[in-house]
Amino acid sequence: MAVLNGVATLLAILTFLGIVWWAFSRGRAQANHDASMLPFSVPDEAIMDKKEGGSHE
């Protein structure tokens, strides 16, 4: 049973390291930058409230 636990742990570590390698690879640099800029591309809520003219009563 200990061997099975060791193999499962090794597989989990390799999967984790593979995901980390993929996420920080050079090919993903532009996609990561684009994703990091998404919150700034949404219009501000205060501006949207003024344009709609509604109240929050």
N, C-alpha and C. Protein backbone atom coordinates (compact mmCIF):
# COMPACT_ATOMS: atom_id res chain seq x y z
N MET A 1 0.82 -1.20 0.00
CA MET A 1 0.00 0.00 0.00
C MET A 1 0.87 1.26 0.00
N ALA A 2 2.01 1.20 0.65
CA ALA A 2 2.90 2.36 0.71
C ALA A 2 3.44 2.70 -0.68
N VAL A 3 3.68 1.67 -1.49
CA VAL A 3 4.18 1.91 -2.85
C VAL A 3 3.12 2.64 -3.67
N LEU A 4 1.87 2.27 -3.51
CA LEU A 4 0.78 2.93 -4.24
C LEU A 4 0.67 4.40 -3.81
N ASN A 5 0.80 4.66 -2.53
CA ASN A 5 0.77 6.04 -2.04
C ASN A 5 1.94 6.84 -2.60
N GLY A 6 3.10 6.23 -2.67
CA GLY A 6 4.27 6.91 -3.22
C GLY A 6 4.10 7.23 -4.70
N VAL A 7 3.56 6.28 -5.46
CA VAL A 7 3.34 6.50 -6.89
C VAL A 7 2.29 7.60 -7.09
N ALA A 8 1.24 7.59 -6.31
CA ALA A 8 0.20 8.62 -6.43
C ALA A 8 0.76 10.00 -6.08
N THR A 9 1.61 10.06 -5.05
CA THR A 9 2.22 11.33 -4.68
C THR A 9 3.16 11.83 -5.77
N LEU A 10 3.95 10.95 -6.33
CA LEU A 10 4.85 11.31 -7.41
C LEU A 10 4.08 11.80 -8.63
N LEU A 11 2.99 11.14 -8.97
CA LEU A 11 2.16 11.56 -10.08
C LEU A 11 1.54 12.94 -9.83
N ALA A 12 1.11 13.19 -8.61
CA ALA A 12 0.54 14.50 -8.26
C ALA A 12 1.59 15.60 -8.35
N ILE A 13 2.81 15.33 -7.89
CA ILE A 13 3.88 16.32 -7.95
C ILE A 13 4.24 16.61 -9.40
N LEU A 14 4.35 15.58 -10.23
CA LEU A 14 4.67 15.79 -11.64
C LEU A 14 3.57 16.56 -12.36
N THR A 15 2.32 16.28 -12.02
CA THR A 15 1.20 17.03 -12.62
C THR A 15 1.27 18.49 -12.22
N PHE A 16 1.52 18.76 -10.95
CA PHE A 16 1.62 20.13 -10.45
C PHE A 16 2.76 20.87 -11.14
N LEU A 17 3.92 20.25 -11.22
CA LEU A 17 5.07 20.89 -11.86
C LEU A 17 4.81 21.12 -13.35
N GLY A 18 4.09 20.22 -14.00
CA GLY A 18 3.74 20.41 -15.40
C GLY A 18 2.83 21.59 -15.60
N ILE A 19 1.87 21.76 -14.73
CA ILE A 19 0.95 22.90 -14.82
C ILE A 19 1.70 24.21 -14.58
N VAL A 20 2.58 24.22 -13.59
CA VAL A 20 3.37 25.43 -13.30
C VAL A 20 4.26 25.76 -14.49
N TRP A 21 4.91 24.75 -15.08
CA TRP A 21 5.77 24.98 -16.24
C TRP A 21 4.95 25.55 -17.40
N TRP A 22 3.77 24.98 -17.64
CA TRP A 22 2.92 25.45 -18.73
C TRP A 22 2.46 26.90 -18.49
N ALA A 23 2.07 27.20 -17.25
CA ALA A 23 1.52 28.52 -16.94
C ALA A 23 2.57 29.63 -17.09
N PHE A 24 3.82 29.33 -16.78
CA PHE A 24 4.87 30.34 -16.83
C PHE A 24 5.77 30.21 -18.05
N SER A 25 5.38 29.43 -19.04
CA SER A 25 6.21 29.27 -20.23
C SER A 25 6.16 30.54 -21.08
N ARG A 26 7.15 30.72 -21.93
CA ARG A 26 7.23 31.92 -22.77
C ARG A 26 6.07 32.02 -23.74
N GLY A 27 5.56 30.91 -24.19
CA GLY A 27 4.44 30.92 -25.13
C GLY A 27 3.16 31.48 -24.53
N ARG A 28 3.03 31.44 -23.20
CA ARG A 28 1.84 31.94 -22.52
C ARG A 28 2.00 33.37 -22.04
N ALA A 29 3.15 33.99 -22.29
CA ALA A 29 3.41 35.33 -21.74
C ALA A 29 2.38 36.34 -22.21
N GLN A 30 2.07 36.36 -23.51
CA GLN A 30 1.10 37.34 -24.03
C GLN A 30 -0.30 37.05 -23.50
N ALA A 31 -0.69 35.79 -23.43
CA ALA A 31 -2.01 35.44 -22.90
C ALA A 31 -2.12 35.81 -21.43
N ASN A 32 -1.05 35.61 -20.67
CA ASN A 32 -1.06 35.99 -19.25
C ASN A 32 -1.17 37.50 -19.10
N HIS A 33 -0.46 38.24 -19.94
CA HIS A 33 -0.54 39.70 -19.88
C HIS A 33 -1.94 40.19 -20.24
N ASP A 34 -2.52 39.62 -21.29
CA ASP A 34 -3.88 40.01 -21.69
C ASP A 34 -4.88 39.71 -20.57
N ALA A 35 -4.74 38.56 -19.93
CA ALA A 35 -5.65 38.20 -18.84
C ALA A 35 -5.47 39.12 -17.64
N SER A 36 -4.24 39.57 -17.39
CA SER A 36 -4.01 40.46 -16.25
C SER A 36 -4.58 41.85 -16.49
N MET A 37 -4.78 42.23 -17.74
CA MET A 37 -5.30 43.55 -18.05
C MET A 37 -6.83 43.59 -18.16
N LEU A 38 -7.50 42.44 -18.09
CA LEU A 38 -8.95 42.40 -18.22
C LEU A 38 -9.70 43.27 -17.21
N PRO A 39 -9.31 43.30 -15.93
CA PRO A 39 -10.07 44.15 -14.99
C PRO A 39 -10.05 45.63 -15.34
N PHE A 40 -9.02 46.06 -16.07
CA PHE A 40 -8.92 47.47 -16.41
C PHE A 40 -9.67 47.83 -17.68
N SER A 41 -10.15 46.84 -18.41
CA SER A 41 -10.87 47.12 -19.65
C SER A 41 -12.38 47.25 -19.43
N VAL A 42 -12.85 47.01 -18.21
CA VAL A 42 -14.27 47.12 -17.88
C VAL A 42 -14.55 48.57 -17.48
N PRO A 43 -15.62 49.17 -17.97
CA PRO A 43 -15.92 50.54 -17.58
C PRO A 43 -16.21 50.65 -16.08
N ASP A 44 -15.91 51.80 -15.52
CA ASP A 44 -16.16 52.03 -14.10
C ASP A 44 -17.64 52.02 -13.80
N GLU A 45 -18.00 51.52 -12.61
CA GLU A 45 -19.41 51.46 -12.21
C GLU A 45 -20.00 52.85 -12.01
N ALA A 46 -19.21 53.78 -11.49
CA ALA A 46 -19.73 55.13 -11.24
C ALA A 46 -20.12 55.81 -12.54
N ILE A 47 -19.35 55.60 -13.57
CA ILE A 47 -19.66 56.20 -14.87
C ILE A 47 -20.92 55.55 -15.44
N MET A 48 -21.04 54.23 -15.28
CA MET A 48 -22.21 53.53 -15.80
C MET A 48 -23.49 53.98 -15.09
N ASP A 49 -23.42 54.23 -13.77
CA ASP A 49 -24.61 54.67 -13.02
C ASP A 49 -25.08 56.04 -13.50
N LYS A 50 -24.16 56.93 -13.80
CA LYS A 50 -24.54 58.26 -14.25
C LYS A 50 -25.18 58.21 -15.63
N LYS A 51 -24.72 57.34 -16.48
CA LYS A 51 -25.27 57.25 -17.83
C LYS A 51 -26.68 56.68 -17.83
N GLU A 52 -26.95 55.73 -16.93
CA GLU A 52 -28.26 55.11 -16.89
C GLU A 52 -29.30 56.01 -16.24
N GLY A 53 -28.88 56.86 -15.30
CA GLY A 53 -29.79 57.78 -14.66
C GLY A 53 -30.70 57.14 -13.62
N GLY A 54 -30.43 55.92 -13.24
CA GLY A 54 -31.25 55.24 -12.24
C GLY A 54 -30.83 55.56 -10.82
N SER A 55 -31.69 55.30 -9.89
CA SER A 55 -31.35 55.50 -8.47
C SER A 55 -31.35 54.14 -7.78
N HIS A 56 -30.71 54.09 -6.65
CA HIS A 56 -30.59 52.85 -5.89
C HIS A 56 -31.40 52.96 -4.60
N GLU A 57 -32.64 53.32 -4.70
CA GLU A 57 -33.47 53.48 -3.51
C GLU A 57 -34.00 52.17 -3.02
